Protein backbone atom coordinates (compact mmCIF):
# COMPACT_ATOMS: atom_id res chain seq x y z
CA GLN A 1 3.15 109.37 10.04
CA VAL A 2 2.98 109.99 13.75
CA GLN A 3 -0.20 109.57 15.77
CA LEU A 4 -0.55 111.68 18.90
CA VAL A 5 -2.99 111.43 21.80
CA GLU A 6 -3.21 114.06 24.53
CA SER A 7 -4.53 113.65 28.06
CA GLY A 8 -4.52 115.45 31.38
CA GLY A 9 -6.81 118.36 30.69
CA GLY A 10 -9.51 119.43 33.07
CA LEU A 11 -10.96 122.21 35.18
CA VAL A 12 -8.69 124.07 37.55
CA GLN A 13 -8.88 127.30 39.52
CA ALA A 14 -6.67 130.25 38.69
CA GLY A 15 -3.25 129.79 40.22
CA GLY A 16 -3.49 126.03 40.05
CA SER A 17 -1.54 123.48 38.05
CA LEU A 18 -2.12 120.79 35.47
CA ARG A 19 0.16 118.34 33.72
CA LEU A 20 -0.64 117.37 30.16
CA SER A 21 0.70 114.23 28.54
CA CYS A 22 1.05 113.23 24.91
CA VAL A 23 1.81 109.71 23.73
CA ALA A 24 3.12 109.12 20.22
CA SER A 25 2.97 106.11 17.94
CA GLY A 26 3.30 105.21 14.27
CA ARG A 27 6.94 106.05 13.54
CA THR A 28 10.19 106.72 15.31
CA PHE A 29 9.35 109.36 17.89
CA SER A 30 12.78 110.51 18.97
CA ILE A 31 13.75 112.16 15.67
CA TYR A 32 10.85 114.60 15.81
CA ALA A 33 10.72 117.88 17.58
CA MET A 34 7.59 118.10 19.69
CA GLY A 35 5.45 120.96 20.78
CA TRP A 36 2.23 122.18 22.29
CA PHE A 37 -0.30 124.51 20.74
CA ARG A 38 -3.59 125.81 22.05
CA GLN A 39 -6.77 127.21 20.60
CA ALA A 40 -9.52 129.12 22.35
CA PRO A 41 -13.01 129.47 20.81
CA GLY A 42 -13.02 132.11 18.10
CA LYS A 43 -9.24 132.44 18.09
CA GLU A 44 -6.46 131.08 15.92
CA ARG A 45 -4.30 128.22 17.05
CA GLU A 46 -1.41 129.56 19.10
CA PHE A 47 2.11 128.20 19.52
CA VAL A 48 2.90 127.51 23.17
CA VAL A 49 6.23 125.70 23.28
CA GLY A 50 8.53 123.53 21.18
CA ILE A 51 11.32 121.13 22.12
CA SER A 52 13.98 119.73 19.80
CA TRP A 53 14.41 116.00 19.30
CA GLY A 54 17.32 115.92 21.73
CA GLY A 55 15.53 118.03 24.32
CA ASP A 56 18.36 120.55 24.53
CA SER A 57 16.68 123.36 22.59
CA ILE A 58 13.40 124.74 23.89
CA TYR A 59 11.37 127.77 22.93
CA TYR A 60 8.47 129.14 24.97
CA ALA A 61 5.94 131.70 23.92
CA ASP A 62 6.26 134.83 26.02
CA SER A 63 2.77 134.33 27.39
CA VAL A 64 3.74 131.10 29.18
CA LYS A 65 7.44 131.60 29.87
CA GLY A 66 8.22 131.01 33.52
CA ARG A 67 4.94 129.19 34.13
CA PHE A 68 4.94 126.23 31.72
CA THR A 69 7.60 123.56 31.32
CA ILE A 70 7.92 121.06 28.48
CA SER A 71 9.80 117.78 28.77
CA ARG A 72 10.05 114.57 26.80
CA ASP A 73 10.86 110.93 27.37
CA ASN A 74 11.92 109.44 24.07
CA ALA A 75 12.16 105.91 25.43
CA LYS A 76 8.50 106.03 26.42
CA LYS A 77 7.45 108.18 23.44
CA LEU A 78 5.94 110.77 25.73
CA VAL A 79 5.98 114.52 25.93
CA TYR A 80 4.67 116.51 28.88
CA LEU A 81 3.53 120.01 29.56
CA GLN A 82 3.62 121.08 33.19
CA MET A 83 1.44 124.15 33.61
CA ASN A 84 1.72 126.19 36.79
CA SER A 85 0.20 129.48 37.91
CA LEU A 86 -2.63 129.00 35.46
CA LYS A 87 -4.67 131.99 34.39
CA PRO A 88 -8.18 132.20 32.91
CA GLU A 89 -6.63 133.29 29.62
CA ASP A 90 -4.90 129.90 29.44
CA THR A 91 -8.30 128.31 28.84
CA ALA A 92 -8.17 126.51 25.50
CA VAL A 93 -7.98 123.17 23.79
CA TYR A 94 -4.37 122.07 23.98
CA TYR A 95 -2.85 120.10 21.12
CA CYS A 96 0.29 118.05 20.97
CA ALA A 97 2.19 118.39 17.70
CA ALA A 98 5.17 116.85 15.92
CA ASP A 99 7.79 118.58 13.75
CA PRO A 100 9.70 116.28 11.37
CA THR A 101 12.56 118.79 10.99
CA GLY A 102 13.56 118.04 14.56
CA ARG A 103 14.05 121.70 15.43
CA GLY A 104 10.78 122.75 17.05
CA VAL A 105 11.41 126.41 16.27
CA SER A 106 8.87 127.34 13.60
CA SER A 107 5.15 126.74 13.98
CA ARG A 108 4.97 126.10 10.23
CA ASP A 109 7.08 122.94 10.62
CA PHE A 110 4.60 121.12 12.85
CA ARG A 111 2.62 118.70 10.68
CA SER A 112 1.05 116.04 12.92
CA TRP A 113 -1.56 116.85 15.54
CA GLY A 114 -3.41 115.14 18.32
CA GLN A 115 -7.13 115.44 18.98
CA GLY A 116 -6.69 117.94 21.78
CA THR A 117 -7.49 118.08 25.46
CA GLN A 118 -9.59 120.79 27.09
CA VAL A 119 -8.06 122.99 29.76
CA THR A 120 -10.42 125.32 31.60
CA VAL A 121 -9.16 127.78 34.20
CA SER A 122 -11.79 129.43 36.37
CA SER A 123 -11.48 132.76 38.15
């Protein structure tokens, strides 16, 4: 099992930036693909971005492409989500997730989840 803890959420004005962090523990981190999901009240959880275990294969949802950047530091067991040009529709609880297949391509492969961190973007 992998335990994940997110941090870095907060309140920001539209057009601003936030950097989310996720620290992993419990098992070997580097073999897992990692990703970020988000969920707004009354909506289903949405895939945001995934990154393969080696960091050389990344997929972004169209809604965040060009604005968000994922990165990982396997030595420190950390994954980051840099969010720029934030919009009110980005408001959600953001979850870090782990994919034991190592691919980070399919949302169905993510099995471990953090507790989430709230991101609120005001107009």
